[in-house]
C-alpha atoms as a PDB file:
ATOM      1  CA  MET A   1      -0.091   0.112   0.169  1.00  0.00           C
ATOM      2  CA  ILE A   2       1.488   3.512  -1.042  1.00  0.00           C
ATOM      3  CA  ASN A   3       0.733   6.720   0.619  1.00  0.00           C
ATOM      4  CA  ALA A   4       0.184   8.889  -2.066  1.00  0.00           C
ATOM      5  CA  GLY A   5      -0.428  12.104  -0.189  1.00  0.00           C
ATOM      6  CA  LEU A   6       2.889  11.699   2.360  1.00  0.00           C
ATOM      7  CA  SER A   7       5.903  11.333   0.368  1.00  0.00           C
ATOM      8  CA  ALA A   8       9.002  12.248   1.809  1.00  0.00           C
ATOM      9  CA  PRO A   9      10.574  15.579   0.112  1.00  0.00           C
ATOM     10  CA  ARG A  10      13.900  14.834  -1.671  1.00  0.00           C
ATOM     11  CA  GLN A  11      17.203  17.089  -1.319  1.00  0.00           C
ATOM     12  CA  GLY A  12      17.899  18.273  -4.737  1.00  0.00           C
ATOM     13  CA  GLY A  13      21.257  19.848  -4.129  1.00  0.00           C
ATOM     14  CA  THR A  14      23.507  22.003  -1.820  1.00  0.00           C
ATOM     15  CA  SER A  15      22.049  25.272  -0.416  1.00  0.00           C
ATOM     16  CA  LEU A  16      24.142  28.504  -0.571  1.00  0.00           C
ATOM     17  CA  ILE A  17      24.635  28.686   3.254  1.00  0.00           C
ATOM     18  CA  GLU A  18      26.331  25.061   2.864  1.00  0.00           C
ATOM     19  CA  VAL A  19      28.371  26.184   0.315  1.00  0.00           C
ATOM     20  CA  LEU A  20      29.742  29.616   2.136  1.00  0.00           C
ATOM     21  CA  VAL A  21      30.444  27.527   5.232  1.00  0.00           C
ATOM     22  CA  THR A  22      32.438  25.082   3.534  1.00  0.00           C
ATOM     23  CA  LEU A  23      34.318  27.981   1.783  1.00  0.00           C
ATOM     24  CA  LEU A  24      34.725  29.750   5.168  1.00  0.00           C
ATOM     25  CA  ILE A  25      36.378  26.742   6.640  1.00  0.00           C
ATOM     26  CA  VAL A  26      38.401  26.021   3.504  1.00  0.00           C
ATOM     27  CA  ALA A  27      39.813  29.793   3.945  1.00  0.00           C
ATOM     28  CA  PHE A  28      40.920  29.558   7.339  1.00  0.00           C
ATOM     29  CA  GLY A  29      42.427  26.152   6.724  1.00  0.00           C
ATOM     30  CA  LEU A  30      44.447  28.146   3.960  1.00  0.00           C
ATOM     31  CA  LEU A  31      45.292  31.036   6.101  1.00  0.00           C
ATOM     32  CA  GLY A  32      46.862  28.571   8.727  1.00  0.00           C
ATOM     33  CA  MET A  33      48.934  27.001   6.207  1.00  0.00           C
ATOM     34  CA  VAL A  34      50.373  30.378   5.040  1.00  0.00           C
ATOM     35  CA  GLY A  35      51.131  30.991   8.760  1.00  0.00           C
ATOM     36  CA  LEU A  36      52.852  27.854   8.916  1.00  0.00           C
ATOM     37  CA  GLN A  37      55.001  28.462   5.804  1.00  0.00           C
ATOM     38  CA  ALA A  38      56.056  31.591   7.049  1.00  0.00           C
ATOM     39  CA  ARG A  39      57.102  30.053  10.447  1.00  0.00           C
ATOM     40  CA  MET A  40      59.110  27.377   8.595  1.00  0.00           C
ATOM     41  CA  GLU A  41      61.112  29.732   6.574  1.00  0.00           C
ATOM     42  CA  LEU A  42      62.014  31.979   9.325  1.00  0.00           C
ATOM     43  CA  SER A  43      62.963  28.727  10.959  1.00  0.00           C
ATOM     44  CA  GLU A  44      64.890  27.654   8.089  1.00  0.00           C
ATOM     45  CA  MET A  45      67.039  31.107   7.856  1.00  0.00           C
ATOM     46  CA  GLU A  46      67.578  30.781  11.548  1.00  0.00           C
ATOM     47  CA  SER A  47      69.155  27.417  11.113  1.00  0.00           C
ATOM     48  CA  TYR A  48      70.985  28.402   7.914  1.00  0.00           C
ATOM     49  CA  GLN A  49      72.516  31.375  10.069  1.00  0.00           C
ATOM     50  CA  ARG A  50      73.588  29.039  12.875  1.00  0.00           C
ATOM     51  CA  ALA A  51      75.240  26.584  10.547  1.00  0.00           C
ATOM     52  CA  GLN A  52      77.146  29.474   8.743  1.00  0.00           C
ATOM     53  CA  ALA A  53      78.103  30.400  12.361  1.00  0.00           C
ATOM     54  CA  LEU A  54      79.357  27.051  13.324  1.00  0.00           C
ATOM     55  CA  VAL A  55      81.495  26.811   9.942  1.00  0.00           C
ATOM     56  CA  LEU A  56      83.262  30.172  10.748  1.00  0.00           C
ATOM     57  CA  LEU A  57      83.635  29.273  14.407  1.00  0.00           C
ATOM     58  CA  SER A  58      85.406  26.001  13.582  1.00  0.00           C
ATOM     59  CA  ASP A  59      87.491  27.845  10.980  1.00  0.00           C
ATOM     60  CA  MET A  60      88.846  30.298  13.261  1.00  0.00           C
ATOM     61  CA  ALA A  61      89.365  27.533  16.080  1.00  0.00           C
ATOM     62  CA  HIS A  62      91.556  25.377  13.184  1.00  0.00           C
ATOM     63  CA  ARG A  63      93.428  28.753  12.474  1.00  0.00           C
ATOM     64  CA  ILE A  64      94.647  29.010  15.962  1.00  0.00           C
ATOM     65  CA  THR A  65      95.122  25.348  16.455  1.00  0.00           C
ATOM     66  CA  THR A  66      97.305  25.300  13.016  1.00  0.00           C
ATOM     67  CA  ASN A  67      99.723  28.419  14.335  1.00  0.00           C
ATOM     68  CA  ARG A  68      99.716  27.388  17.699  1.00  0.00           C
ATOM     69  CA  ILE A  69     103.072  29.279  18.657  1.00  0.00           C
ATOM     70  CA  ASN A  70     101.538  32.983  17.767  1.00  0.00           C
ATOM     71  CA  ALA A  71      97.870  31.748  19.242  1.00  0.00           C
ATOM     72  CA  ALA A  72      97.875  34.702  21.654  1.00  0.00           C
ATOM     73  CA  ASN A  73      98.357  37.387  18.561  1.00  0.00           C
ATOM     74  CA  TYR A  74      94.766  36.055  17.275  1.00  0.00           C
ATOM     75  CA  ALA A  75      93.081  37.918  20.223  1.00  0.00           C
ATOM     76  CA  THR A  76      90.581  40.394  19.187  1.00  0.00           C
ATOM     77  CA  ALA A  77      90.826  42.776  22.075  1.00  0.00           C
ATOM     78  CA  ALA A  78      87.677  44.477  22.803  1.00  0.00           C
ATOM     79  CA  ALA A  79      86.721  45.297  19.102  1.00  0.00           C
ATOM     80  CA  PRO A  80      85.111  42.349  17.408  1.00  0.00           C
ATOM     81  CA  LEU A  81      86.079  41.653  13.748  1.00  0.00           C
ATOM     82  CA  GLY A  82      83.249  41.683  10.935  1.00  0.00           C
ATOM     83  CA  GLY A  83      80.209  43.681  11.210  1.00  0.00           C
ATOM     84  CA  THR A  84      80.560  47.290  10.088  1.00  0.00           C
ATOM     85  CA  THR A  85      84.214  47.825  11.198  1.00  0.00           C
ATOM     86  CA  ALA A  86      86.891  47.296   8.567  1.00  0.00           C
ATOM     87  CA  CYS A  87      88.917  44.252   8.031  1.00  0.00           C
ATOM     88  CA  PRO A  88      92.415  44.071   9.130  1.00  0.00           C
ATOM     89  CA  ALA A  89      94.232  44.365   5.749  1.00  0.00           C
ATOM     90  CA  SER A  90      98.170  43.809   6.931  1.00  0.00           C
ATOM     91  CA  ILE A  91      99.463  40.583   5.164  1.00  0.00           C
ATOM     92  CA  ALA A  92     102.868  40.492   7.406  1.00  0.00           C
ATOM     93  CA  THR A  93     102.185  37.783   9.461  1.00  0.00           C
ATOM     94  CA  ARG A  94     100.125  34.142   9.065  1.00  0.00           C
ATOM     95  CA  HIS A  95      97.878  35.364  12.022  1.00  0.00           C
ATOM     96  CA  GLU A  96      97.201  38.912  10.171  1.00  0.00           C
ATOM     97  CA  ILE A  97      96.164  37.222   7.573  1.00  0.00           C
ATOM     98  CA  ASP A  98      93.796  34.591   9.070  1.00  0.00           C
ATOM     99  CA  LYS A  99      92.327  37.174  10.883  1.00  0.00           C
ATOM    100  CA  GLY A 100      91.769  39.592   7.780  1.00  0.00           C
ATOM    101  CA  GLN A 101      90.264  36.135   5.581  1.00  0.00           C
ATOM    102  CA  TRP A 102      87.638  35.466   8.924  1.00  0.00           C
ATOM    103  CA  CYS A 103      86.697  38.733   9.217  1.00  0.00           C
ATOM    104  CA  ALA A 104      86.012  38.902   5.486  1.00  0.00           C
ATOM    105  CA  ALA A 105      84.111  35.643   5.955  1.00  0.00           C
ATOM    106  CA  LEU A 106      82.126  37.061   8.640  1.00  0.00           C
ATOM    107  CA  LYS A 107      80.957  39.572   6.456  1.00  0.00           C
ATOM    108  CA  GLY A 108      79.949  37.129   3.734  1.00  0.00           C
ATOM    109  CA  ALA A 109      82.612  37.291   1.366  1.00  0.00           C
ATOM    110  CA  ALA A 110      82.003  33.573   0.152  1.00  0.00           C
ATOM    111  CA  GLU A 111      78.759  34.480  -1.661  1.00  0.00           C
ATOM    112  CA  PHE A 112      77.476  37.737  -3.662  1.00  0.00           C
ATOM    113  CA  SER A 113      74.014  38.327  -4.558  1.00  0.00           C
ATOM    114  CA  GLY A 114      73.111  41.606  -6.628  1.00  0.00           C
ATOM    115  CA  GLY A 115      76.857  43.022  -6.086  1.00  0.00           C
ATOM    116  CA  ASN A 116      76.319  42.615  -2.117  1.00  0.00           C
ATOM    117  CA  ARG A 117      77.816  39.965   0.134  1.00  0.00           C
ATOM    118  CA  SER A 118      75.099  37.600   1.320  1.00  0.00           C
ATOM    119  CA  GLY A 119      77.163  34.359   2.153  1.00  0.00           C
ATOM    120  CA  ALA A 120      77.324  34.739   6.177  1.00  0.00           C
ATOM    121  CA  MET A 121      75.030  35.585   8.939  1.00  0.00           C
ATOM    122  CA  ILE A 122      73.142  38.965   9.593  1.00  0.00           C
ATOM    123  CA  GLY A 123      75.914  41.282  11.220  1.00  0.00           C
ATOM    124  CA  GLY A 124      78.351  38.709  11.728  1.00  0.00           C
ATOM    125  CA  ARG A 125      80.746  39.213  14.199  1.00  0.00           C
ATOM    126  CA  GLY A 126      83.558  37.246  15.476  1.00  0.00           C
ATOM    127  CA  CYS A 127      86.049  37.255  18.651  1.00  0.00           C
ATOM    128  CA  VAL A 128      88.880  35.671  20.231  1.00  0.00           C
ATOM    129  CA  GLU A 129      89.409  35.914  23.725  1.00  0.00           C
ATOM    130  CA  VAL A 130      92.661  34.767  25.679  1.00  0.00           C
ATOM    131  CA  LEU A 131      91.829  32.819  28.849  1.00  0.00           C
ATOM    132  CA  PRO A 132      94.144  31.706  31.569  1.00  0.00           C
ATOM    133  CA  ASP A 133      96.127  28.362  30.877  1.00  0.00           C
ATOM    134  CA  ASN A 134      96.777  28.630  27.108  1.00  0.00           C
ATOM    135  CA  GLU A 135      92.939  28.628  26.362  1.00  0.00           C
ATOM    136  CA  TYR A 136      91.076  30.807  24.155  1.00  0.00           C
ATOM    137  CA  LEU A 137      87.409  31.469  23.914  1.00  0.00           C
ATOM    138  CA  VAL A 138      86.357  31.774  20.077  1.00  0.00           C
ATOM    139  CA  THR A 139      82.889  33.483  19.706  1.00  0.00           C
ATOM    140  CA  VAL A 140      80.677  34.369  16.448  1.00  0.00           C
ATOM    141  CA  ALA A 141      77.784  36.641  17.193  1.00  0.00           C
ATOM    142  CA  TRP A 142      75.234  37.549  14.570  1.00  0.00           C
ATOM    143  CA  GLN A 143      71.645  39.332  14.412  1.00  0.00           C
ATOM    144  CA  GLY A 144      68.434  36.796  15.134  1.00  0.00           C
ATOM    145  CA  LEU A 145      65.191  37.305  13.345  1.00  0.00           C
ATOM    146  CA  THR A 146      62.960  36.666  16.362  1.00  0.00           C
ATOM    147  CA  PRO A 147      63.460  37.675  19.992  1.00  0.00           C
ATOM    148  CA  VAL A 148      64.584  34.551  22.369  1.00  0.00           C
ATOM    149  CA  SER A 149      66.414  34.873  25.409  1.00  0.00           C
ATOM    150  CA  ALA A 150      69.797  36.655  25.957  1.00  0.00           C
ATOM    151  CA  PRO A 151      73.100  34.572  25.654  1.00  0.00           C
ATOM    152  CA  PRO A 152      74.589  34.645  29.155  1.00  0.00           C
ATOM    153  CA  ALA A 153      76.417  37.856  30.466  1.00  0.00           C
ATOM    154  CA  SER A 154      79.716  36.037  30.166  1.00  0.00           C
ATOM    155  CA  VAL A 155      79.583  35.950  26.507  1.00  0.00           C
ATOM    156  CA  THR A 156      80.394  39.636  25.562  1.00  0.00           C
ATOM    157  CA  CYS A 157      81.140  39.089  21.849  1.00  0.00           C
ATOM    158  CA  GLY A 158      78.699  41.618  20.358  1.00  0.00           C
ATOM    159  CA  GLN A 159      76.874  42.575  23.322  1.00  0.00           C
ATOM    160  CA  ASP A 160      74.364  45.565  22.933  1.00  0.00           C
ATOM    161  CA  LEU A 161      75.081  45.795  19.370  1.00  0.00           C
ATOM    162  CA  TYR A 162      71.867  43.823  18.052  1.00  0.00           C
ATOM    163  CA  ASP A 163      69.229  45.693  19.955  1.00  0.00           C
ATOM    164  CA  GLY A 164      66.400  47.093  17.913  1.00  0.00           C
ATOM    165  CA  PRO A 165      65.239  50.711  18.207  1.00  0.00           C
ATOM    166  CA  ALA A 166      63.160  51.790  21.450  1.00  0.00           C
ATOM    167  CA  GLY A 167      60.010  49.770  21.900  1.00  0.00           C
ATOM    168  CA  SER A 168      60.970  46.903  19.653  1.00  0.00           C
ATOM    169  CA  PRO A 169      60.935  43.083  20.673  1.00  0.00           C
ATOM    170  CA  CYS A 170      64.814  42.987  20.138  1.00  0.00           C
ATOM    171  CA  GLN A 171      65.927  44.594  23.213  1.00  0.00           C
ATOM    172  CA  ALA A 172      68.259  43.509  26.066  1.00  0.00           C
ATOM    173  CA  ASP A 173      70.310  41.209  23.597  1.00  0.00           C
ATOM    174  CA  ARG A 174      67.318  39.084  23.081  1.00  0.00           C
ATOM    175  CA  CYS A 175      67.975  39.040  19.143  1.00  0.00           C
ATOM    176  CA  ARG A 176      71.663  38.540  19.834  1.00  0.00           C
ATOM    177  CA  ARG A 177      72.950  34.830  18.943  1.00  0.00           C
ATOM    178  CA  VAL A 178      76.053  33.495  19.858  1.00  0.00           C
ATOM    179  CA  VAL A 179      78.101  30.057  19.265  1.00  0.00           C
ATOM    180  CA  THR A 180      81.371  29.703  21.191  1.00  0.00           C
ATOM    181  CA  THR A 181      83.960  27.138  21.605  1.00  0.00           C
ATOM    182  CA  VAL A 182      87.345  26.772  23.624  1.00  0.00           C
ATOM    183  CA  VAL A 183      90.430  26.307  22.079  1.00  0.00           C
ATOM    184  CA  ARG A 184      93.218  24.702  24.282  1.00  0.00           C
ATOM    185  CA  ILE A 185      96.898  24.963  23.452  1.00  0.00           C
ATOM    186  CA  ALA A 186      98.855  22.294  24.985  1.00  0.00           C
ATOM    187  CA  THR A 187     102.530  23.502  26.148  1.00  0.00           C
ATOM    188  CA  LEU A 188     105.075  21.194  24.226  1.00  0.00           C
ATOM    189  CA  ASN A 189     108.631  20.410  25.521  1.00  0.00           C
END
């Protein structure tokens, strides 16, 4: 027996409201993906800068170890190499050549893009400090892209050189990044 007067209504398609809700959900998803992509690119750049800093740190540590007799001459005193300062130009001794080449590398001499040096970290600076017992602290500092906690106060290379303008999040060395290593020179008889 068929009920002729009470047939169930059939859906003939999607309504405009359903389509708009779907588009809204897709748009929020795509905006989330764009934000994730931007954060990934920022993290990739931070990783690249850290890798470059480690290469330059190792470079100077090897230079000091190779020229161990003149290791104390690698000290940069109070002024770090790189950044906006002029690189040493003297080529009279091996340590002067090494310091000049390291300074150029800190400034990005390895790569050029559009006539500008671009092969190193942003604002790369390097320091070599003499420690007791024939030890040398080698430090590479650079400008990070986002604020994090400041390096320890005992690491002074580039200190207060990476603060942004007043009111920016890069205050109190929160955008300064550093890597350090200690080079120990044994006393040989």
